[in-house]
PDB file of all heavy atoms in Angstrom:
ATOM      1  N   ILE A   1       0.843  -1.214   0.009  1.00  0.00           N
ATOM      2  CA  ILE A   1       0.011  -0.011   0.014  1.00  0.00           C
ATOM      3  C   ILE A   1       0.882   1.247  -0.032  1.00  0.00           C
ATOM      4  O   ILE A   1       0.686   2.205  -0.797  1.00  0.00           O
ATOM      5  CB  ILE A   1      -0.930  -0.004   1.210  1.00  0.00           C
ATOM      6  CG1 ILE A   1      -1.921  -1.249   1.208  1.00  0.00           C
ATOM      7  CG2 ILE A   1      -1.777   1.259   1.300  1.00  0.00           C
ATOM      8  CD1 ILE A   1      -2.693  -1.412   2.464  1.00  0.00           C
ATOM      9  N   ALA A   2       1.911   1.259   0.888  1.00  0.00           N
ATOM     10  CA  ALA A   2       2.872   2.353   0.936  1.00  0.00           C
ATOM     11  C   ALA A   2       3.621   2.454  -0.397  1.00  0.00           C
ATOM     12  O   ALA A   2       3.856   3.540  -0.899  1.00  0.00           O
ATOM     13  CB  ALA A   2       3.820   2.141   2.111  1.00  0.00           C
ATOM     14  N   TYR A   3       3.999   1.313  -0.924  1.00  0.00           N
ATOM     15  CA  TYR A   3       4.796   1.290  -2.138  1.00  0.00           C
ATOM     16  C   TYR A   3       3.969   1.860  -3.308  1.00  0.00           C
ATOM     17  O   TYR A   3       4.475   2.700  -4.079  1.00  0.00           O
ATOM     18  CB  TYR A   3       5.148  -0.152  -2.491  1.00  0.00           C
ATOM     19  CG  TYR A   3       6.144  -0.353  -3.584  1.00  0.00           C
ATOM     20  CD1 TYR A   3       7.382   0.296  -3.573  1.00  0.00           C
ATOM     21  CD2 TYR A   3       5.866  -1.196  -4.687  1.00  0.00           C
ATOM     22  CE1 TYR A   3       8.262   0.102  -4.595  1.00  0.00           C
ATOM     23  CE2 TYR A   3       6.762  -1.376  -5.669  1.00  0.00           C
ATOM     24  CZ  TYR A   3       7.986  -0.703  -5.670  1.00  0.00           C
ATOM     25  OH  TYR A   3       8.917  -0.906  -6.654  1.00  0.00           O
ATOM     26  N   ALA A   4       2.706   1.514  -3.424  1.00  0.00           N
ATOM     27  CA  ALA A   4       1.851   1.975  -4.484  1.00  0.00           C
ATOM     28  C   ALA A   4       1.593   3.507  -4.318  1.00  0.00           C
ATOM     29  O   ALA A   4       1.607   4.220  -5.320  1.00  0.00           O
ATOM     30  CB  ALA A   4       0.500   1.286  -4.465  1.00  0.00           C
ATOM     31  N   ALA A   5       1.469   3.961  -3.036  1.00  0.00           N
ATOM     32  CA  ALA A   5       1.293   5.383  -2.799  1.00  0.00           C
ATOM     33  C   ALA A   5       2.487   6.203  -3.273  1.00  0.00           C
ATOM     34  O   ALA A   5       2.326   7.236  -3.838  1.00  0.00           O
ATOM     35  CB  ALA A   5       1.003   5.607  -1.329  1.00  0.00           C
ATOM     36  N   MET A   6       3.710   5.686  -3.000  1.00  0.00           N
ATOM     37  CA  MET A   6       4.902   6.410  -3.416  1.00  0.00           C
ATOM     38  C   MET A   6       5.098   6.397  -4.905  1.00  0.00           C
ATOM     39  O   MET A   6       5.596   7.320  -5.493  1.00  0.00           O
ATOM     40  CB  MET A   6       6.096   5.803  -2.697  1.00  0.00           C
ATOM     41  CG  MET A   6       6.187   6.064  -1.191  1.00  0.00           C
ATOM     42  SD  MET A   6       6.224   7.835  -0.826  1.00  0.00           S
ATOM     43  CE  MET A   6       4.552   8.205  -0.409  1.00  0.00           C
ATOM     44  N   ILE A   7       4.655   5.316  -5.555  1.00  0.00           N
ATOM     45  CA  ILE A   7       4.766   5.244  -7.020  1.00  0.00           C
ATOM     46  C   ILE A   7       3.880   6.389  -7.631  1.00  0.00           C
ATOM     47  O   ILE A   7       4.224   7.027  -8.599  1.00  0.00           O
ATOM     48  CB  ILE A   7       4.286   3.868  -7.473  1.00  0.00           C
ATOM     49  CG1 ILE A   7       5.446   2.868  -7.312  1.00  0.00           C
ATOM     50  CG2 ILE A   7       3.860   3.910  -8.990  1.00  0.00           C
ATOM     51  CD1 ILE A   7       5.086   1.444  -7.614  1.00  0.00           C
ATOM     52  N   VAL A   8       2.667   6.594  -7.005  1.00  0.00           N
ATOM     53  CA  VAL A   8       1.746   7.598  -7.477  1.00  0.00           C
ATOM     54  C   VAL A   8       2.369   8.969  -7.177  1.00  0.00           C
ATOM     55  O   VAL A   8       2.397   9.881  -8.079  1.00  0.00           O
ATOM     56  CB  VAL A   8       0.394   7.506  -6.796  1.00  0.00           C
ATOM     57  CG1 VAL A   8      -0.453   8.716  -7.193  1.00  0.00           C
ATOM     58  CG2 VAL A   8      -0.272   6.216  -7.272  1.00  0.00           C
ATOM     59  N   VAL A   9       2.920   9.149  -6.022  1.00  0.00           N
ATOM     60  CA  VAL A   9       3.497  10.488  -5.572  1.00  0.00           C
ATOM     61  C   VAL A   9       4.617  10.868  -6.504  1.00  0.00           C
ATOM     62  O   VAL A   9       4.738  12.033  -6.944  1.00  0.00           O
ATOM     63  CB  VAL A   9       3.958  10.441  -4.088  1.00  0.00           C
ATOM     64  CG1 VAL A   9       4.788  11.674  -3.767  1.00  0.00           C
ATOM     65  CG2 VAL A   9       2.752  10.358  -3.227  1.00  0.00           C
ATOM     66  N   PHE A  10       5.513   9.972  -6.807  1.00  0.00           N
ATOM     67  CA  PHE A  10       6.713  10.252  -7.640  1.00  0.00           C
ATOM     68  C   PHE A  10       6.434  10.001  -9.136  1.00  0.00           C
ATOM     69  O   PHE A  10       7.363  10.096  -9.913  1.00  0.00           O
ATOM     70  CB  PHE A  10       7.889   9.392  -7.168  1.00  0.00           C
ATOM     71  CG  PHE A  10       8.438   9.862  -5.848  1.00  0.00           C
ATOM     72  CD1 PHE A  10       8.025   9.275  -4.681  1.00  0.00           C
ATOM     73  CD2 PHE A  10       9.353  10.917  -5.808  1.00  0.00           C
ATOM     74  CE1 PHE A  10       8.534   9.689  -3.415  1.00  0.00           C
ATOM     75  CE2 PHE A  10       9.864  11.360  -4.545  1.00  0.00           C
ATOM     76  CZ  PHE A  10       9.445  10.717  -3.387  1.00  0.00           C
ATOM     77  N   ARG A  11       5.222   9.697  -9.458  1.00  0.00           N
ATOM     78  CA  ARG A  11       4.787   9.543 -10.853  1.00  0.00           C
ATOM     79  C   ARG A  11       5.651   8.527 -11.629  1.00  0.00           C
ATOM     80  O   ARG A  11       6.065   8.719 -12.761  1.00  0.00           O
ATOM     81  CB  ARG A  11       4.837  10.848 -11.618  1.00  0.00           C
ATOM     82  CG  ARG A  11       3.864  11.850 -10.981  1.00  0.00           C
ATOM     83  CD  ARG A  11       3.943  13.235 -11.726  1.00  0.00           C
ATOM     84  NE  ARG A  11       3.074  14.172 -11.114  1.00  0.00           N
ATOM     85  CZ  ARG A  11       1.785  14.333 -11.442  1.00  0.00           C
ATOM     86  NH1 ARG A  11       1.236  13.541 -12.367  1.00  0.00           N
ATOM     87  NH2 ARG A  11       1.052  15.285 -10.862  1.00  0.00           N
ATOM     88  N   VAL A  12       5.963   7.423 -10.914  1.00  0.00           N
ATOM     89  CA  VAL A  12       6.702   6.281 -11.610  1.00  0.00           C
ATOM     90  C   VAL A  12       5.737   5.167 -11.869  1.00  0.00           C
ATOM     91  O   VAL A  12       5.538   4.260 -11.038  1.00  0.00           O
ATOM     92  CB  VAL A  12       7.868   5.816 -10.661  1.00  0.00           C
ATOM     93  CG1 VAL A  12       8.655   4.737 -11.385  1.00  0.00           C
ATOM     94  CG2 VAL A  12       8.727   6.947 -10.231  1.00  0.00           C
ATOM     95  N   PHE A  13       5.031   5.256 -12.982  1.00  0.00           N
ATOM     96  CA  PHE A  13       3.943   4.321 -13.247  1.00  0.00           C
ATOM     97  C   PHE A  13       4.496   3.160 -14.042  1.00  0.00           C
ATOM     98  O   PHE A  13       4.881   3.342 -15.208  1.00  0.00           O
ATOM     99  CB  PHE A  13       2.825   5.012 -13.983  1.00  0.00           C
ATOM    100  CG  PHE A  13       2.238   6.158 -13.207  1.00  0.00           C
ATOM    101  CD1 PHE A  13       2.408   7.472 -13.561  1.00  0.00           C
ATOM    102  CD2 PHE A  13       1.476   5.890 -12.056  1.00  0.00           C
ATOM    103  CE1 PHE A  13       1.833   8.534 -12.853  1.00  0.00           C
ATOM    104  CE2 PHE A  13       0.842   6.903 -11.299  1.00  0.00           C
ATOM    105  CZ  PHE A  13       1.095   8.240 -11.680  1.00  0.00           C
ATOM    106  N   PRO A  14       4.579   1.974 -13.482  1.00  0.00           N
ATOM    107  CA  PRO A  14       5.024   0.789 -14.186  1.00  0.00           C
ATOM    108  C   PRO A  14       3.975   0.409 -15.292  1.00  0.00           C
ATOM    109  O   PRO A  14       2.794   0.711 -15.138  1.00  0.00           O
ATOM    110  CB  PRO A  14       5.098  -0.310 -13.161  1.00  0.00           C
ATOM    111  CG  PRO A  14       4.373   0.177 -11.964  1.00  0.00           C
ATOM    112  CD  PRO A  14       4.213   1.661 -12.089  1.00  0.00           C
ATOM    113  N   ASP A  15       4.513  -0.227 -16.330  1.00  0.00           N
ATOM    114  CA  ASP A  15       3.523  -0.676 -17.351  1.00  0.00           C
ATOM    115  C   ASP A  15       3.082  -2.097 -17.101  1.00  0.00           C
ATOM    116  O   ASP A  15       3.227  -2.618 -16.002  1.00  0.00           O
ATOM    117  CB  ASP A  15       4.178  -0.510 -18.739  1.00  0.00           C
ATOM    118  CG  ASP A  15       5.483  -1.362 -18.912  1.00  0.00           C
ATOM    119  OD1 ASP A  15       5.664  -2.270 -18.079  1.00  0.00           O
ATOM    120  OD2 ASP A  15       6.225  -1.116 -19.873  1.00  0.00           O
ATOM    121  N   TRP A  16       2.520  -2.741 -18.083  1.00  0.00           N
ATOM    122  CA  TRP A  16       1.863  -4.051 -17.925  1.00  0.00           C
ATOM    123  C   TRP A  16       2.850  -5.168 -17.454  1.00  0.00           C
ATOM    124  O   TRP A  16       2.495  -6.160 -16.935  1.00  0.00           O
ATOM    125  CB  TRP A  16       1.227  -4.538 -19.257  1.00  0.00           C
ATOM    126  CG  TRP A  16       2.219  -4.675 -20.369  1.00  0.00           C
ATOM    127  CD1 TRP A  16       2.725  -3.772 -21.280  1.00  0.00           C
ATOM    128  CD2 TRP A  16       2.926  -5.962 -20.672  1.00  0.00           C
ATOM    129  NE1 TRP A  16       3.625  -4.343 -22.095  1.00  0.00           N
ATOM    130  CE2 TRP A  16       3.736  -5.666 -21.817  1.00  0.00           C
ATOM    131  CE3 TRP A  16       2.886  -7.242 -20.143  1.00  0.00           C
ATOM    132  CZ2 TRP A  16       4.563  -6.660 -22.373  1.00  0.00           C
ATOM    133  CZ3 TRP A  16       3.725  -8.174 -20.716  1.00  0.00           C
ATOM    134  CH2 TRP A  16       4.560  -7.923 -21.836  1.00  0.00           C
ATOM    135  N   LYS A  17       4.198  -4.905 -17.655  1.00  0.00           N
ATOM    136  CA  LYS A  17       5.196  -5.885 -17.237  1.00  0.00           C
ATOM    137  C   LYS A  17       5.209  -6.098 -15.710  1.00  0.00           C
ATOM    138  O   LYS A  17       5.865  -7.091 -15.262  1.00  0.00           O
ATOM    139  CB  LYS A  17       6.552  -5.414 -17.734  1.00  0.00           C
ATOM    140  CG  LYS A  17       6.663  -5.369 -19.296  1.00  0.00           C
ATOM    141  CD  LYS A  17       8.025  -4.961 -19.696  1.00  0.00           C
ATOM    142  CE  LYS A  17       8.112  -4.683 -21.158  1.00  0.00           C
ATOM    143  NZ  LYS A  17       7.398  -3.481 -21.596  1.00  0.00           N
ATOM    144  N   ILE A  18       4.588  -5.247 -14.960  1.00  0.00           N
ATOM    145  CA  ILE A  18       4.563  -5.427 -13.529  1.00  0.00           C
ATOM    146  C   ILE A  18       3.791  -6.715 -13.082  1.00  0.00           C
ATOM    147  O   ILE A  18       3.964  -7.162 -11.961  1.00  0.00           O
ATOM    148  CB  ILE A  18       3.833  -4.205 -12.860  1.00  0.00           C
ATOM    149  CG1 ILE A  18       4.102  -4.135 -11.363  1.00  0.00           C
ATOM    150  CG2 ILE A  18       2.343  -4.199 -13.102  1.00  0.00           C
ATOM    151  CD1 ILE A  18       5.534  -3.875 -11.009  1.00  0.00           C
ATOM    152  N   ILE A  19       3.109  -7.333 -14.034  1.00  0.00           N
ATOM    153  CA  ILE A  19       2.418  -8.585 -13.756  1.00  0.00           C
ATOM    154  C   ILE A  19       3.464  -9.694 -13.453  1.00  0.00           C
ATOM    155  O   ILE A  19       3.072 -10.757 -12.899  1.00  0.00           O
ATOM    156  CB  ILE A  19       1.522  -9.047 -14.926  1.00  0.00           C
ATOM    157  CG1 ILE A  19       2.332  -9.280 -16.181  1.00  0.00           C
ATOM    158  CG2 ILE A  19       0.394  -8.058 -15.159  1.00  0.00           C
ATOM    159  CD1 ILE A  19       1.573  -9.966 -17.335  1.00  0.00           C
ATOM    160  N   PHE A  20       4.722  -9.450 -13.736  1.00  0.00           N
ATOM    161  CA  PHE A  20       5.750 -10.383 -13.424  1.00  0.00           C
ATOM    162  C   PHE A  20       6.169 -10.333 -11.971  1.00  0.00           C
ATOM    163  O   PHE A  20       6.857 -11.256 -11.496  1.00  0.00           O
ATOM    164  CB  PHE A  20       7.016 -10.124 -14.310  1.00  0.00           C
ATOM    165  CG  PHE A  20       8.099 -11.167 -14.226  1.00  0.00           C
ATOM    166  CD1 PHE A  20       7.907 -12.442 -14.812  1.00  0.00           C
ATOM    167  CD2 PHE A  20       9.270 -10.906 -13.546  1.00  0.00           C
ATOM    168  CE1 PHE A  20       8.901 -13.449 -14.688  1.00  0.00           C
ATOM    169  CE2 PHE A  20      10.280 -11.830 -13.512  1.00  0.00           C
ATOM    170  CZ  PHE A  20      10.106 -13.136 -14.055  1.00  0.00           C
ATOM    171  N   MET A  21       5.755  -9.327 -11.251  1.00  0.00           N
ATOM    172  CA  MET A  21       6.134  -9.131  -9.881  1.00  0.00           C
ATOM    173  C   MET A  21       5.786 -10.320  -8.997  1.00  0.00           C
ATOM    174  O   MET A  21       6.587 -10.719  -8.112  1.00  0.00           O
ATOM    175  CB  MET A  21       5.517  -7.847  -9.296  1.00  0.00           C
ATOM    176  CG  MET A  21       5.950  -7.484  -7.881  1.00  0.00           C
ATOM    177  SD  MET A  21       5.245  -6.021  -7.236  1.00  0.00           S
ATOM    178  CE  MET A  21       5.806  -5.954  -5.583  1.00  0.00           C
ATOM    179  N   PRO A  22       4.568 -10.912  -9.089  1.00  0.00           N
ATOM    180  CA  PRO A  22       4.284 -12.057  -8.196  1.00  0.00           C
ATOM    181  C   PRO A  22       5.248 -13.265  -8.413  1.00  0.00           C
ATOM    182  O   PRO A  22       5.488 -13.976  -7.499  1.00  0.00           O
ATOM    183  CB  PRO A  22       2.891 -12.446  -8.714  1.00  0.00           C
ATOM    184  CG  PRO A  22       2.287 -11.207  -9.268  1.00  0.00           C
ATOM    185  CD  PRO A  22       3.421 -10.493  -9.859  1.00  0.00           C
ATOM    186  N   VAL A  23       5.833 -13.377  -9.585  1.00  0.00           N
ATOM    187  CA  VAL A  23       6.854 -14.426  -9.844  1.00  0.00           C
ATOM    188  C   VAL A  23       8.083 -14.137  -8.992  1.00  0.00           C
ATOM    189  O   VAL A  23       8.648 -15.044  -8.317  1.00  0.00           O
ATOM    190  CB  VAL A  23       7.255 -14.501 -11.299  1.00  0.00           C
ATOM    191  CG1 VAL A  23       8.336 -15.528 -11.528  1.00  0.00           C
ATOM    192  CG2 VAL A  23       6.014 -14.798 -12.163  1.00  0.00           C
ATOM    193  N   ILE A  24       8.490 -12.899  -8.963  1.00  0.00           N
ATOM    194  CA  ILE A  24       9.673 -12.476  -8.103  1.00  0.00           C
ATOM    195  C   ILE A  24       9.420 -12.752  -6.675  1.00  0.00           C
ATOM    196  O   ILE A  24      10.246 -13.378  -5.928  1.00  0.00           O
ATOM    197  CB  ILE A  24      10.017 -11.001  -8.321  1.00  0.00           C
ATOM    198  CG1 ILE A  24      10.346 -10.681  -9.808  1.00  0.00           C
ATOM    199  CG2 ILE A  24      11.126 -10.552  -7.401  1.00  0.00           C
ATOM    200  CD1 ILE A  24      10.450  -9.224 -10.144  1.00  0.00           C
ATOM    201  N   VAL A  25       8.179 -12.369  -6.158  1.00  0.00           N
ATOM    202  CA  VAL A  25       7.875 -12.528  -4.821  1.00  0.00           C
ATOM    203  C   VAL A  25       7.787 -13.994  -4.434  1.00  0.00           C
ATOM    204  O   VAL A  25       8.224 -14.403  -3.381  1.00  0.00           O
ATOM    205  CB  VAL A  25       6.488 -11.792  -4.506  1.00  0.00           C
ATOM    206  CG1 VAL A  25       6.086 -12.097  -3.052  1.00  0.00           C
ATOM    207  CG2 VAL A  25       6.676 -10.292  -4.672  1.00  0.00           C
ATOM    208  N   PHE A  26       7.144 -14.802  -5.330  1.00  0.00           N
ATOM    209  CA  PHE A  26       7.052 -16.229  -5.120  1.00  0.00           C
ATOM    210  C   PHE A  26       8.381 -16.942  -4.847  1.00  0.00           C
ATOM    211  O   PHE A  26       8.544 -17.657  -3.861  1.00  0.00           O
ATOM    212  CB  PHE A  26       6.271 -16.897  -6.211  1.00  0.00           C
ATOM    213  CG  PHE A  26       6.261 -18.399  -6.112  1.00  0.00           C
ATOM    214  CD1 PHE A  26       5.393 -19.071  -5.213  1.00  0.00           C
ATOM    215  CD2 PHE A  26       7.133 -19.215  -6.935  1.00  0.00           C
ATOM    216  CE1 PHE A  26       5.417 -20.465  -5.147  1.00  0.00           C
ATOM    217  CE2 PHE A  26       7.152 -20.565  -6.848  1.00  0.00           C
ATOM    218  CZ  PHE A  26       6.263 -21.198  -5.928  1.00  0.00           C
ATOM    219  N   PHE A  27       9.309 -16.656  -5.798  1.00  0.00           N
ATOM    220  CA  PHE A  27      10.642 -17.322  -5.647  1.00  0.00           C
ATOM    221  C   PHE A  27      11.447 -16.746  -4.466  1.00  0.00           C
ATOM    222  O   PHE A  27      12.265 -17.512  -3.881  1.00  0.00           O
ATOM    223  CB  PHE A  27      11.347 -17.244  -6.960  1.00  0.00           C
ATOM    224  CG  PHE A  27      10.889 -18.228  -7.959  1.00  0.00           C
ATOM    225  CD1 PHE A  27      10.043 -17.848  -9.050  1.00  0.00           C
ATOM    226  CD2 PHE A  27      11.248 -19.548  -7.891  1.00  0.00           C
ATOM    227  CE1 PHE A  27       9.601 -18.734  -9.966  1.00  0.00           C
ATOM    228  CE2 PHE A  27      10.730 -20.512  -8.795  1.00  0.00           C
ATOM    229  CZ  PHE A  27       9.939 -20.088  -9.820  1.00  0.00           C
ATOM    230  N   LEU A  28      11.218 -15.515  -4.116  1.00  0.00           N
ATOM    231  CA  LEU A  28      11.873 -14.963  -2.918  1.00  0.00           C
ATOM    232  C   LEU A  28      11.291 -15.680  -1.682  1.00  0.00           C
ATOM    233  O   LEU A  28      12.031 -15.977  -0.711  1.00  0.00           O
ATOM    234  CB  LEU A  28      11.694 -13.440  -2.846  1.00  0.00           C
ATOM    235  CG  LEU A  28      12.265 -12.765  -1.558  1.00  0.00           C
ATOM    236  CD1 LEU A  28      13.729 -13.066  -1.408  1.00  0.00           C
ATOM    237  CD2 LEU A  28      12.052 -11.284  -1.623  1.00  0.00           C
ATOM    238  N   LEU A  29       9.969 -15.870  -1.651  1.00  0.00           N
ATOM    239  CA  LEU A  29       9.374 -16.559  -0.486  1.00  0.00           C
ATOM    240  C   LEU A  29       9.894 -18.009  -0.413  1.00  0.00           C
ATOM    241  O   LEU A  29      10.170 -18.493   0.697  1.00  0.00           O
ATOM    242  CB  LEU A  29       7.846 -16.569  -0.660  1.00  0.00           C
ATOM    243  CG  LEU A  29       7.068 -15.308  -0.271  1.00  0.00           C
ATOM    244  CD1 LEU A  29       5.623 -15.410  -0.635  1.00  0.00           C
ATOM    245  CD2 LEU A  29       7.214 -15.109   1.303  1.00  0.00           C
ATOM    246  N   LEU A  30      10.090 -18.637  -1.558  1.00  0.00           N
ATOM    247  CA  LEU A  30      10.623 -19.958  -1.588  1.00  0.00           C
ATOM    248  C   LEU A  30      12.042 -20.008  -1.049  1.00  0.00           C
ATOM    249  O   LEU A  30      12.402 -20.883  -0.217  1.00  0.00           O
ATOM    250  CB  LEU A  30      10.626 -20.542  -3.058  1.00  0.00           C
ATOM    251  CG  LEU A  30      10.490 -22.021  -3.267  1.00  0.00           C
ATOM    252  CD1 LEU A  30       9.270 -22.599  -2.641  1.00  0.00           C
ATOM    253  CD2 LEU A  30      10.543 -22.300  -4.753  1.00  0.00           C
ATOM    254  N   PHE A  31      12.818 -18.980  -1.468  1.00  0.00           N
ATOM    255  CA  PHE A  31      14.201 -18.873  -0.929  1.00  0.00           C
ATOM    256  C   PHE A  31      14.175 -18.593   0.584  1.00  0.00           C
ATOM    257  O   PHE A  31      14.966 -19.261   1.329  1.00  0.00           O
ATOM    258  CB  PHE A  31      14.859 -17.664  -1.680  1.00  0.00           C
ATOM    259  CG  PHE A  31      16.279 -17.400  -1.238  1.00  0.00           C
ATOM    260  CD1 PHE A  31      17.316 -18.094  -1.725  1.00  0.00           C
ATOM    261  CD2 PHE A  31      16.512 -16.384  -0.289  1.00  0.00           C
ATOM    262  CE1 PHE A  31      18.652 -17.844  -1.357  1.00  0.00           C
ATOM    263  CE2 PHE A  31      17.873 -16.124   0.103  1.00  0.00           C
ATOM    264  CZ  PHE A  31      18.879 -16.877  -0.376  1.00  0.00           C
ATOM    265  N   ALA A  32      13.289 -17.719   1.036  1.00  0.00           N
ATOM    266  CA  ALA A  32      13.159 -17.394   2.457  1.00  0.00           C
ATOM    267  C   ALA A  32      12.729 -18.619   3.248  1.00  0.00           C
ATOM    268  O   ALA A  32      13.202 -18.828   4.350  1.00  0.00           O
ATOM    269  CB  ALA A  32      12.146 -16.243   2.661  1.00  0.00           C
ATOM    270  N   LEU A  33      11.864 -19.455   2.685  1.00  0.00           N
ATOM    271  CA  LEU A  33      11.406 -20.641   3.390  1.00  0.00           C
ATOM    272  C   LEU A  33      12.512 -21.677   3.539  1.00  0.00           C
ATOM    273  O   LEU A  33      12.732 -22.245   4.597  1.00  0.00           O
ATOM    274  CB  LEU A  33      10.256 -21.287   2.586  1.00  0.00           C
ATOM    275  CG  LEU A  33       9.507 -22.448   3.272  1.00  0.00           C
ATOM    276  CD1 LEU A  33       9.050 -22.133   4.653  1.00  0.00           C
ATOM    277  CD2 LEU A  33       8.391 -22.909   2.376  1.00  0.00           C
ATOM    278  N   GLY A  34      13.342 -21.737   2.474  1.00  0.00           N
ATOM    279  CA  GLY A  34      14.514 -22.672   2.583  1.00  0.00           C
ATOM    280  C   GLY A  34      15.449 -22.195   3.633  1.00  0.00           C
ATOM    281  O   GLY A  34      15.996 -23.053   4.474  1.00  0.00           O
ATOM    282  N   VAL A  35      15.792 -20.884   3.665  1.00  0.00           N
ATOM    283  CA  VAL A  35      16.691 -20.339   4.729  1.00  0.00           C
ATOM    284  C   VAL A  35      16.071 -20.502   6.056  1.00  0.00           C
ATOM    285  O   VAL A  35      16.774 -20.839   7.097  1.00  0.00           O
ATOM    286  CB  VAL A  35      17.007 -18.865   4.386  1.00  0.00           C
ATOM    287  CG1 VAL A  35      17.806 -18.242   5.578  1.00  0.00           C
ATOM    288  CG2 VAL A  35      17.770 -18.728   3.115  1.00  0.00           C
ATOM    289  N   SER A  36      14.740 -20.371   6.142  1.00  0.00           N
ATOM    290  CA  SER A  36      14.027 -20.514   7.447  1.00  0.00           C
ATOM    291  C   SER A  36      14.173 -21.911   7.982  1.00  0.00           C
ATOM    292  O   SER A  36      14.343 -22.098   9.248  1.00  0.00           O
ATOM    293  CB  SER A  36      12.535 -20.151   7.259  1.00  0.00           C
ATOM    294  OG  SER A  36      12.379 -18.778   6.909  1.00  0.00           O
ATOM    295  N   TYR A  37      14.056 -22.890   7.128  1.00  0.00           N
ATOM    296  CA  TYR A  37      14.217 -24.297   7.577  1.00  0.00           C
ATOM    297  C   TYR A  37      15.589 -24.501   8.142  1.00  0.00           C
ATOM    298  O   TYR A  37      15.784 -25.194   9.139  1.00  0.00           O
ATOM    299  CB  TYR A  37      14.020 -25.248   6.403  1.00  0.00           C
ATOM    300  CG  TYR A  37      12.547 -25.565   6.068  1.00  0.00           C
ATOM    301  CD1 TYR A  37      12.113 -25.515   4.752  1.00  0.00           C
ATOM    302  CD2 TYR A  37      11.678 -25.879   7.059  1.00  0.00           C
ATOM    303  CE1 TYR A  37      10.783 -25.803   4.459  1.00  0.00           C
ATOM    304  CE2 TYR A  37      10.322 -26.203   6.767  1.00  0.00           C
ATOM    305  CZ  TYR A  37       9.883 -26.126   5.449  1.00  0.00           C
ATOM    306  OH  TYR A  37       8.583 -26.473   5.145  1.00  0.00           O
TER     307      TYR A  37
END
């Protein structure tokens, strides 16, 4: 929510490629889970 607000404030509007973001988050979570174990 804070991230989206700052993107609007600074007028840095990502295009449709932002749909790839969940892929980044998913594999980071997988990495974090491995380190957590």
